[in-house]
Amino acid sequence: MTNQDILQIALRQSAIDCHCQPEDFLSGENKVVLSEKNERARAYLELPFELDLVSYGTNIVAQASPRLLDTAAWYIGKYPVEHCFESPNVIALNERLAAFDLKVCFMAEYFLPDISVLRERPCAYELKVLEPEAFQEYYVTPWKNNALCEKRRHLDALAVGAFDHGKLIGLAGCSADCESMYQIGVDVLPQYRRQGIAAAITSRLALETFARGKVPFYCAAWSNLKSVRNALTCGFKPAWVEVTARDKNFVDEMNR
């Protein structure tokens, strides 16, 4: 699989998620589309969205509910592409959403592997590739925070653990979020951090994912520098960004 193959797979999945065409993300022109449910979309996306913005860098594809189509067109038409995903412009969007009892909620950056850089990285501890039956006991804190997803256990497809004399000290897991792409999450015990464990288990899991014919991808908040650094160290490169609005009560509950 080449980097271009990987990008095309991601674009096709984003098109499924956003109810548009893959080429829409590279057209250079912003586009607003009606959000619709799709059984082939990433499993954790609660479609249809009220408003969701996606950019691969050159333009924005905004999917929206019928009542938000005009708001989406106003916002992505008013500000430059890159500024639509950051403050202060996103504050203007949030103010406009208040009339619909909505708020800006999720803001994230997604990474794809660079096949020319991705490689297995050294680790001072034993690494084990774990199939689902081998990691059922790890749906506890801290592993259920990022590496595994307790709410969607059936999607957790593969994991790589780092062990210190039999004790699990780091875990990277991937979720089969859609047919062609698996999302990677990682956790390392605090006392074992800054030893290259996260990079070792993440890169090993990415290679194991490729070996199963799937494309690994990685998501991090812009402010989570530890996670972003891990992605870059392992050979993942920024691919697309996304901002999603949700119901006001949903956001308020998260903030509690």
C-alpha atoms as a PDB file:
ATOM      1  CA  MET A   1       0.000   0.000   0.000  1.00  0.00           C
ATOM      2  CA  THR A   2       1.389   3.424  -0.941  1.00  0.00           C
ATOM      3  CA  ASN A   3       0.770   6.767   0.751  1.00  0.00           C
ATOM      4  CA  GLN A   4      -1.502   7.681  -2.144  1.00  0.00           C
ATOM      5  CA  ASP A   5      -3.476   4.460  -1.631  1.00  0.00           C
ATOM      6  CA  ILE A   6      -3.851   5.321   2.053  1.00  0.00           C
ATOM      7  CA  LEU A   7      -5.042   8.842   1.285  1.00  0.00           C
ATOM      8  CA  GLN A   8      -7.585   7.609  -1.243  1.00  0.00           C
ATOM      9  CA  ILE A   9      -9.000   5.110   1.264  1.00  0.00           C
ATOM     10  CA  ALA A  10      -9.336   7.888   3.845  1.00  0.00           C
ATOM     11  CA  LEU A  11     -10.989  10.207   1.329  1.00  0.00           C
ATOM     12  CA  ARG A  12     -13.490   7.532   0.353  1.00  0.00           C
ATOM     13  CA  GLN A  13     -14.361   6.948   4.003  1.00  0.00           C
ATOM     14  CA  SER A  14     -14.718  10.684   4.665  1.00  0.00           C
ATOM     15  CA  ALA A  15     -17.056  10.878   1.671  1.00  0.00           C
ATOM     16  CA  ILE A  16     -19.202   8.121   3.197  1.00  0.00           C
ATOM     17  CA  ASP A  17     -19.183   9.918   6.547  1.00  0.00           C
ATOM     18  CA  CYS A  18     -20.037  13.300   5.005  1.00  0.00           C
ATOM     19  CA  HIS A  19     -22.504  12.270   2.279  1.00  0.00           C
ATOM     20  CA  CYS A  20     -20.361  13.651  -0.546  1.00  0.00           C
ATOM     21  CA  GLN A  21     -17.748  12.564  -3.111  1.00  0.00           C
ATOM     22  CA  PRO A  22     -14.058  11.878  -2.322  1.00  0.00           C
ATOM     23  CA  GLU A  23     -12.928  14.533  -4.781  1.00  0.00           C
ATOM     24  CA  ASP A  24     -14.951  17.158  -2.904  1.00  0.00           C
ATOM     25  CA  PHE A  25     -12.233  17.316  -0.242  1.00  0.00           C
ATOM     26  CA  LEU A  26      -9.544  18.263  -2.777  1.00  0.00           C
ATOM     27  CA  SER A  27     -11.542  20.523  -5.083  1.00  0.00           C
ATOM     28  CA  GLY A  28     -10.332  23.795  -3.606  1.00  0.00           C
ATOM     29  CA  GLU A  29     -13.944  24.969  -3.271  1.00  0.00           C
ATOM     30  CA  ASN A  30     -16.012  24.781  -0.113  1.00  0.00           C
ATOM     31  CA  LYS A  31     -19.132  22.630  -0.208  1.00  0.00           C
ATOM     32  CA  VAL A  32     -22.242  22.305   1.958  1.00  0.00           C
ATOM     33  CA  VAL A  33     -24.173  19.014   1.901  1.00  0.00           C
ATOM     34  CA  LEU A  34     -27.170  17.595   3.715  1.00  0.00           C
ATOM     35  CA  SER A  35     -26.113  15.231   6.499  1.00  0.00           C
ATOM     36  CA  GLU A  36     -27.574  11.734   6.248  1.00  0.00           C
ATOM     37  CA  LYS A  37     -27.205   8.476   8.135  1.00  0.00           C
ATOM     38  CA  ASN A  38     -25.025   5.836   6.469  1.00  0.00           C
ATOM     39  CA  GLU A  39     -24.463   2.325   7.805  1.00  0.00           C
ATOM     40  CA  ARG A  40     -20.926   2.351   6.357  1.00  0.00           C
ATOM     41  CA  ALA A  41     -19.887   5.480   8.256  1.00  0.00           C
ATOM     42  CA  ARG A  42     -17.430   5.346  11.156  1.00  0.00           C
ATOM     43  CA  ALA A  43     -19.268   3.537  13.938  1.00  0.00           C
ATOM     44  CA  TYR A  44     -18.993   6.260  16.558  1.00  0.00           C
ATOM     45  CA  LEU A  45     -20.445   9.020  14.357  1.00  0.00           C
ATOM     46  CA  GLU A  46     -24.009   9.781  15.439  1.00  0.00           C
ATOM     47  CA  LEU A  47     -25.379  10.660  12.022  1.00  0.00           C
ATOM     48  CA  PRO A  48     -27.112  12.655  10.802  1.00  0.00           C
ATOM     49  CA  PHE A  49     -25.196  15.609  12.252  1.00  0.00           C
ATOM     50  CA  GLU A  50     -26.583  19.043  12.955  1.00  0.00           C
ATOM     51  CA  LEU A  51     -23.262  20.464  11.769  1.00  0.00           C
ATOM     52  CA  ASP A  52     -19.860  18.965  11.019  1.00  0.00           C
ATOM     53  CA  LEU A  53     -16.902  20.538   9.220  1.00  0.00           C
ATOM     54  CA  VAL A  54     -14.105  18.500   7.607  1.00  0.00           C
ATOM     55  CA  SER A  55     -10.988  19.780   5.869  1.00  0.00           C
ATOM     56  CA  TYR A  56      -8.038  18.008   4.283  1.00  0.00           C
ATOM     57  CA  GLY A  57      -6.340  21.399   4.023  1.00  0.00           C
ATOM     58  CA  THR A  58      -7.496  23.035   0.807  1.00  0.00           C
ATOM     59  CA  ASN A  59     -11.206  23.538   1.429  1.00  0.00           C
ATOM     60  CA  ILE A  60     -14.073  22.590   3.752  1.00  0.00           C
ATOM     61  CA  VAL A  61     -16.909  20.128   3.327  1.00  0.00           C
ATOM     62  CA  ALA A  62     -19.695  21.024   5.745  1.00  0.00           C
ATOM     63  CA  GLN A  63     -22.513  18.574   6.374  1.00  0.00           C
ATOM     64  CA  ALA A  64     -25.551  19.963   8.110  1.00  0.00           C
ATOM     65  CA  SER A  65     -29.160  19.327   9.014  1.00  0.00           C
ATOM     66  CA  PRO A  66     -31.798  21.151   6.922  1.00  0.00           C
ATOM     67  CA  ARG A  67     -32.099  23.934   9.496  1.00  0.00           C
ATOM     68  CA  LEU A  68     -28.305  24.498   9.604  1.00  0.00           C
ATOM     69  CA  LEU A  69     -27.517  24.555   5.881  1.00  0.00           C
ATOM     70  CA  ASP A  70     -27.586  28.355   5.715  1.00  0.00           C
ATOM     71  CA  THR A  71     -25.486  28.666   8.878  1.00  0.00           C
ATOM     72  CA  ALA A  72     -22.897  26.259   7.470  1.00  0.00           C
ATOM     73  CA  ALA A  73     -22.702  28.214   4.205  1.00  0.00           C
ATOM     74  CA  TRP A  74     -22.389  31.505   6.097  1.00  0.00           C
ATOM     75  CA  TYR A  75     -19.575  30.276   8.316  1.00  0.00           C
ATOM     76  CA  ILE A  76     -17.334  28.550   5.774  1.00  0.00           C
ATOM     77  CA  GLY A  77     -17.923  31.398   3.344  1.00  0.00           C
ATOM     78  CA  LYS A  78     -16.981  34.117   5.831  1.00  0.00           C
ATOM     79  CA  TYR A  79     -13.621  32.910   7.182  1.00  0.00           C
ATOM     80  CA  PRO A  80     -10.468  31.339   5.675  1.00  0.00           C
ATOM     81  CA  VAL A  81     -10.363  27.539   5.752  1.00  0.00           C
ATOM     82  CA  GLU A  82      -7.755  27.201   8.475  1.00  0.00           C
ATOM     83  CA  HIS A  83      -9.440  29.786  10.746  1.00  0.00           C
ATOM     84  CA  CYS A  84     -12.774  27.959  10.689  1.00  0.00           C
ATOM     85  CA  PHE A  85     -11.228  25.335  12.983  1.00  0.00           C
ATOM     86  CA  GLU A  86      -9.874  27.645  15.674  1.00  0.00           C
ATOM     87  CA  SER A  87     -10.763  30.567  17.880  1.00  0.00           C
ATOM     88  CA  PRO A  88     -11.716  33.354  17.632  1.00  0.00           C
ATOM     89  CA  ASN A  89     -13.739  32.424  14.530  1.00  0.00           C
ATOM     90  CA  VAL A  90     -15.168  29.270  16.077  1.00  0.00           C
ATOM     91  CA  ILE A  91     -16.578  31.483  18.827  1.00  0.00           C
ATOM     92  CA  ALA A  92     -18.625  33.290  16.199  1.00  0.00           C
ATOM     93  CA  LEU A  93     -19.980  29.923  15.064  1.00  0.00           C
ATOM     94  CA  ASN A  94     -20.820  28.974  18.624  1.00  0.00           C
ATOM     95  CA  GLU A  95     -22.764  32.205  19.085  1.00  0.00           C
ATOM     96  CA  ARG A  96     -24.752  31.522  15.896  1.00  0.00           C
ATOM     97  CA  LEU A  97     -25.482  27.953  17.055  1.00  0.00           C
ATOM     98  CA  ALA A  98     -26.990  29.167  20.334  1.00  0.00           C
ATOM     99  CA  ALA A  99     -30.232  30.024  18.532  1.00  0.00           C
ATOM    100  CA  PHE A 100     -30.600  26.305  17.743  1.00  0.00           C
ATOM    101  CA  ASP A 101     -29.661  25.118  21.271  1.00  0.00           C
ATOM    102  CA  LEU A 102     -26.381  23.779  19.892  1.00  0.00           C
ATOM    103  CA  LYS A 103     -22.733  24.257  20.807  1.00  0.00           C
ATOM    104  CA  VAL A 104     -19.392  23.483  19.200  1.00  0.00           C
ATOM    105  CA  CYS A 105     -18.340  20.202  20.776  1.00  0.00           C
ATOM    106  CA  PHE A 106     -15.618  18.022  19.273  1.00  0.00           C
ATOM    107  CA  MET A 107     -12.508  19.523  17.655  1.00  0.00           C
ATOM    108  CA  ALA A 108      -9.859  17.064  16.527  1.00  0.00           C
ATOM    109  CA  GLU A 109      -6.984  16.376  14.177  1.00  0.00           C
ATOM    110  CA  TYR A 110      -6.659  13.043  12.386  1.00  0.00           C
ATOM    111  CA  PHE A 111      -3.409  11.406  11.308  1.00  0.00           C
ATOM    112  CA  LEU A 112      -2.560   8.855   8.616  1.00  0.00           C
ATOM    113  CA  PRO A 113       0.630   6.766   8.479  1.00  0.00           C
ATOM    114  CA  ASP A 114       3.496   7.697   6.180  1.00  0.00           C
ATOM    115  CA  ILE A 115       4.572   4.328   4.827  1.00  0.00           C
ATOM    116  CA  SER A 116       8.094   5.621   4.176  1.00  0.00           C
ATOM    117  CA  VAL A 117       8.563   6.489   7.860  1.00  0.00           C
ATOM    118  CA  LEU A 118       6.466   3.948   9.770  1.00  0.00           C
ATOM    119  CA  ARG A 119       8.631   1.175  11.228  1.00  0.00           C
ATOM    120  CA  GLU A 120       8.827  -1.024  14.302  1.00  0.00           C
ATOM    121  CA  ARG A 121      10.445   0.893  17.143  1.00  0.00           C
ATOM    122  CA  PRO A 122      12.626  -0.538  19.933  1.00  0.00           C
ATOM    123  CA  CYS A 123      11.244  -1.167  23.395  1.00  0.00           C
ATOM    124  CA  ALA A 124      12.953  -2.235  26.623  1.00  0.00           C
ATOM    125  CA  TYR A 125       9.934  -4.324  27.569  1.00  0.00           C
ATOM    126  CA  GLU A 126       8.245  -7.404  26.148  1.00  0.00           C
ATOM    127  CA  LEU A 127       5.645  -6.669  23.478  1.00  0.00           C
ATOM    128  CA  LYS A 128       2.718  -8.987  22.752  1.00  0.00           C
ATOM    129  CA  VAL A 129       0.170  -8.845  19.945  1.00  0.00           C
ATOM    130  CA  LEU A 130      -3.251  -9.488  21.520  1.00  0.00           C
ATOM    131  CA  GLU A 131      -6.382 -10.738  19.793  1.00  0.00           C
ATOM    132  CA  PRO A 132      -9.758  -9.761  21.349  1.00  0.00           C
ATOM    133  CA  GLU A 133     -10.027 -12.847  23.536  1.00  0.00           C
ATOM    134  CA  ALA A 134      -6.675 -11.968  25.120  1.00  0.00           C
ATOM    135  CA  PHE A 135      -7.544  -8.425  26.230  1.00  0.00           C
ATOM    136  CA  GLN A 136     -11.039  -8.864  27.685  1.00  0.00           C
ATOM    137  CA  GLU A 137      -9.651  -8.495  31.222  1.00  0.00           C
ATOM    138  CA  TYR A 138      -8.267  -5.042  30.411  1.00  0.00           C
ATOM    139  CA  TYR A 139     -11.577  -3.166  30.153  1.00  0.00           C
ATOM    140  CA  VAL A 140     -10.688  -1.329  33.357  1.00  0.00           C
ATOM    141  CA  THR A 141      -8.964   1.948  34.206  1.00  0.00           C
ATOM    142  CA  PRO A 142      -6.619   3.055  32.701  1.00  0.00           C
ATOM    143  CA  TRP A 143      -6.868   0.884  29.574  1.00  0.00           C
ATOM    144  CA  LYS A 144     -10.514   1.657  28.863  1.00  0.00           C
ATOM    145  CA  ASN A 145      -9.735   5.374  28.548  1.00  0.00           C
ATOM    146  CA  ASN A 146      -8.035   5.369  25.147  1.00  0.00           C
ATOM    147  CA  ALA A 147      -6.621   1.984  24.161  1.00  0.00           C
ATOM    148  CA  LEU A 148      -9.955   0.172  24.475  1.00  0.00           C
ATOM    149  CA  CYS A 149     -13.576   1.323  24.285  1.00  0.00           C
ATOM    150  CA  GLU A 150     -15.880  -0.264  26.841  1.00  0.00           C
ATOM    151  CA  LYS A 151     -19.010   1.038  25.098  1.00  0.00           C
ATOM    152  CA  ARG A 152     -18.052  -0.602  21.792  1.00  0.00           C
ATOM    153  CA  ARG A 153     -16.170  -3.730  22.828  1.00  0.00           C
ATOM    154  CA  HIS A 154     -17.334  -5.579  19.748  1.00  0.00           C
ATOM    155  CA  LEU A 155     -15.324  -3.192  17.561  1.00  0.00           C
ATOM    156  CA  ASP A 156     -12.003  -3.558  19.387  1.00  0.00           C
ATOM    157  CA  ALA A 157     -10.164  -5.734  16.901  1.00  0.00           C
ATOM    158  CA  LEU A 158      -6.526  -5.924  17.939  1.00  0.00           C
ATOM    159  CA  ALA A 159      -4.062  -4.678  20.544  1.00  0.00           C
ATOM    160  CA  VAL A 160      -0.374  -4.621  21.392  1.00  0.00           C
ATOM    161  CA  GLY A 161       0.668  -4.689  25.043  1.00  0.00           C
ATOM    162  CA  ALA A 162       3.962  -3.871  26.721  1.00  0.00           C
ATOM    163  CA  PHE A 163       4.724  -6.035  29.754  1.00  0.00           C
ATOM    164  CA  ASP A 164       7.195  -5.655  32.610  1.00  0.00           C
ATOM    165  CA  HIS A 165       7.707  -9.159  34.026  1.00  0.00           C
ATOM    166  CA  GLY A 166       4.107 -10.053  33.185  1.00  0.00           C
ATOM    167  CA  LYS A 167       2.591  -6.753  34.314  1.00  0.00           C
ATOM    168  CA  LEU A 168       0.778  -4.754  31.619  1.00  0.00           C
ATOM    169  CA  ILE A 169       2.364  -1.295  31.532  1.00  0.00           C
ATOM    170  CA  GLY A 170       1.257   0.000  28.135  1.00  0.00           C
ATOM    171  CA  LEU A 171      -1.523  -0.877  25.733  1.00  0.00           C
ATOM    172  CA  ALA A 172      -2.347   0.253  22.192  1.00  0.00           C
ATOM    173  CA  GLY A 173      -5.647  -0.930  20.771  1.00  0.00           C
ATOM    174  CA  CYS A 174      -7.411  -0.433  17.478  1.00  0.00           C
ATOM    175  CA  SER A 175     -11.118  -0.212  16.857  1.00  0.00           C
ATOM    176  CA  ALA A 176     -12.720  -1.412  13.625  1.00  0.00           C
ATOM    177  CA  ASP A 177     -14.586   1.850  13.213  1.00  0.00           C
ATOM    178  CA  CYS A 178     -15.345   1.207   9.544  1.00  0.00           C
ATOM    179  CA  GLU A 179     -14.730  -1.419   6.905  1.00  0.00           C
ATOM    180  CA  SER A 180     -11.338  -0.223   5.675  1.00  0.00           C
ATOM    181  CA  MET A 181      -9.862   1.764   8.589  1.00  0.00           C
ATOM    182  CA  TYR A 182      -8.991   0.980  12.207  1.00  0.00           C
ATOM    183  CA  GLN A 183      -8.515   3.755  14.775  1.00  0.00           C
ATOM    184  CA  ILE A 184      -5.598   3.476  17.202  1.00  0.00           C
ATOM    185  CA  GLY A 185      -5.676   4.579  20.846  1.00  0.00           C
ATOM    186  CA  VAL A 186      -2.919   4.190  23.427  1.00  0.00           C
ATOM    187  CA  ASP A 187      -2.382   4.305  27.208  1.00  0.00           C
ATOM    188  CA  VAL A 188       0.822   3.926  29.264  1.00  0.00           C
ATOM    189  CA  LEU A 189       1.035   3.794  33.054  1.00  0.00           C
ATOM    190  CA  PRO A 190       2.357   7.156  34.370  1.00  0.00           C
ATOM    191  CA  GLN A 191       5.465   5.677  35.996  1.00  0.00           C
ATOM    192  CA  TYR A 192       6.513   4.092  32.683  1.00  0.00           C
ATOM    193  CA  ARG A 193       6.119   7.119  30.438  1.00  0.00           C
ATOM    194  CA  ARG A 194       8.919   8.899  28.547  1.00  0.00           C
ATOM    195  CA  GLN A 195      10.630   5.600  27.759  1.00  0.00           C
ATOM    196  CA  GLY A 196       9.410   5.177  24.179  1.00  0.00           C
ATOM    197  CA  ILE A 197       6.755   2.619  25.115  1.00  0.00           C
ATOM    198  CA  ALA A 198       3.860   4.498  23.500  1.00  0.00           C
ATOM    199  CA  ALA A 199       5.761   4.820  20.235  1.00  0.00           C
ATOM    200  CA  ALA A 200       6.784   1.161  20.295  1.00  0.00           C
ATOM    201  CA  ILE A 201       3.293  -0.255  20.835  1.00  0.00           C
ATOM    202  CA  THR A 202       1.625   2.261  18.502  1.00  0.00           C
ATOM    203  CA  SER A 203       3.984   1.596  15.600  1.00  0.00           C
ATOM    204  CA  ARG A 204       3.817  -2.176  16.125  1.00  0.00           C
ATOM    205  CA  LEU A 205       0.015  -2.040  16.157  1.00  0.00           C
ATOM    206  CA  ALA A 206      -0.030   0.082  12.999  1.00  0.00           C
ATOM    207  CA  LEU A 207       2.117  -2.499  11.203  1.00  0.00           C
ATOM    208  CA  GLU A 208      -0.075  -5.347  12.457  1.00  0.00           C
ATOM    209  CA  THR A 209      -3.136  -3.445  11.206  1.00  0.00           C
ATOM    210  CA  PHE A 210      -1.601  -3.098   7.747  1.00  0.00           C
ATOM    211  CA  ALA A 211      -0.812  -6.816   7.796  1.00  0.00           C
ATOM    212  CA  ARG A 212      -4.546  -7.448   8.168  1.00  0.00           C
ATOM    213  CA  GLY A 213      -5.332  -5.309   5.130  1.00  0.00           C
ATOM    214  CA  LYS A 214      -6.658  -2.296   7.054  1.00  0.00           C
ATOM    215  CA  VAL A 215      -5.469   1.314   7.247  1.00  0.00           C
ATOM    216  CA  PRO A 216      -4.626   2.523  10.766  1.00  0.00           C
ATOM    217  CA  PHE A 217      -5.519   6.086  11.687  1.00  0.00           C
ATOM    218  CA  TYR A 218      -4.931   8.170  14.785  1.00  0.00           C
ATOM    219  CA  CYS A 219      -6.923  10.999  16.361  1.00  0.00           C
ATOM    220  CA  ALA A 220      -5.791  13.645  18.844  1.00  0.00           C
ATOM    221  CA  ALA A 221      -6.937  16.993  20.156  1.00  0.00           C
ATOM    222  CA  TRP A 222      -4.647  19.803  19.021  1.00  0.00           C
ATOM    223  CA  SER A 223      -3.802  20.618  22.643  1.00  0.00           C
ATOM    224  CA  ASN A 224      -2.859  17.029  23.532  1.00  0.00           C
ATOM    225  CA  LEU A 225       0.798  17.491  22.659  1.00  0.00           C
ATOM    226  CA  LYS A 226       1.842  14.160  24.186  1.00  0.00           C
ATOM    227  CA  SER A 227      -0.501  12.313  21.872  1.00  0.00           C
ATOM    228  CA  VAL A 228       0.424  14.426  18.839  1.00  0.00           C
ATOM    229  CA  ARG A 229       4.134  13.863  19.482  1.00  0.00           C
ATOM    230  CA  ASN A 230       3.521  10.131  19.707  1.00  0.00           C
ATOM    231  CA  ALA A 231       1.722  10.157  16.362  1.00  0.00           C
ATOM    232  CA  LEU A 232       4.555  12.065  14.699  1.00  0.00           C
ATOM    233  CA  THR A 233       7.243   9.894  16.277  1.00  0.00           C
ATOM    234  CA  CYS A 234       5.557   6.768  14.920  1.00  0.00           C
ATOM    235  CA  GLY A 235       5.395   8.132  11.374  1.00  0.00           C
ATOM    236  CA  PHE A 236       1.823   9.405  11.332  1.00  0.00           C
ATOM    237  CA  LYS A 237       1.246  12.720   9.551  1.00  0.00           C
ATOM    238  CA  PRO A 238      -1.667  15.207   9.847  1.00  0.00           C
ATOM    239  CA  ALA A 239      -4.340  14.346   7.275  1.00  0.00           C
ATOM    240  CA  TRP A 240      -7.620  16.073   8.118  1.00  0.00           C
ATOM    241  CA  VAL A 241      -9.307  18.165  10.794  1.00  0.00           C
ATOM    242  CA  GLU A 242     -12.885  18.078  12.003  1.00  0.00           C
ATOM    243  CA  VAL A 243     -15.241  20.190  14.110  1.00  0.00           C
ATOM    244  CA  THR A 244     -18.652  18.928  15.210  1.00  0.00           C
ATOM    245  CA  ALA A 245     -21.569  20.700  16.873  1.00  0.00           C
ATOM    246  CA  ARG A 246     -23.817  18.864  19.295  1.00  0.00           C
ATOM    247  CA  ASP A 247     -26.927  19.528  21.343  1.00  0.00           C
ATOM    248  CA  LYS A 248     -26.370  22.074  24.140  1.00  0.00           C
ATOM    249  CA  ASN A 249     -27.439  19.625  26.840  1.00  0.00           C
ATOM    250  CA  PHE A 250     -24.993  17.011  25.552  1.00  0.00           C
ATOM    251  CA  VAL A 251     -22.103  19.486  25.728  1.00  0.00           C
ATOM    252  CA  ASP A 252     -23.135  20.775  29.148  1.00  0.00           C
ATOM    253  CA  GLU A 253     -23.290  17.229  30.494  1.00  0.00           C
ATOM    254  CA  MET A 254     -19.762  16.530  29.211  1.00  0.00           C
ATOM    255  CA  ASN A 255     -18.529  19.667  30.974  1.00  0.00           C
ATOM    256  CA  ARG A 256     -19.908  18.475  34.307  1.00  0.00           C
END
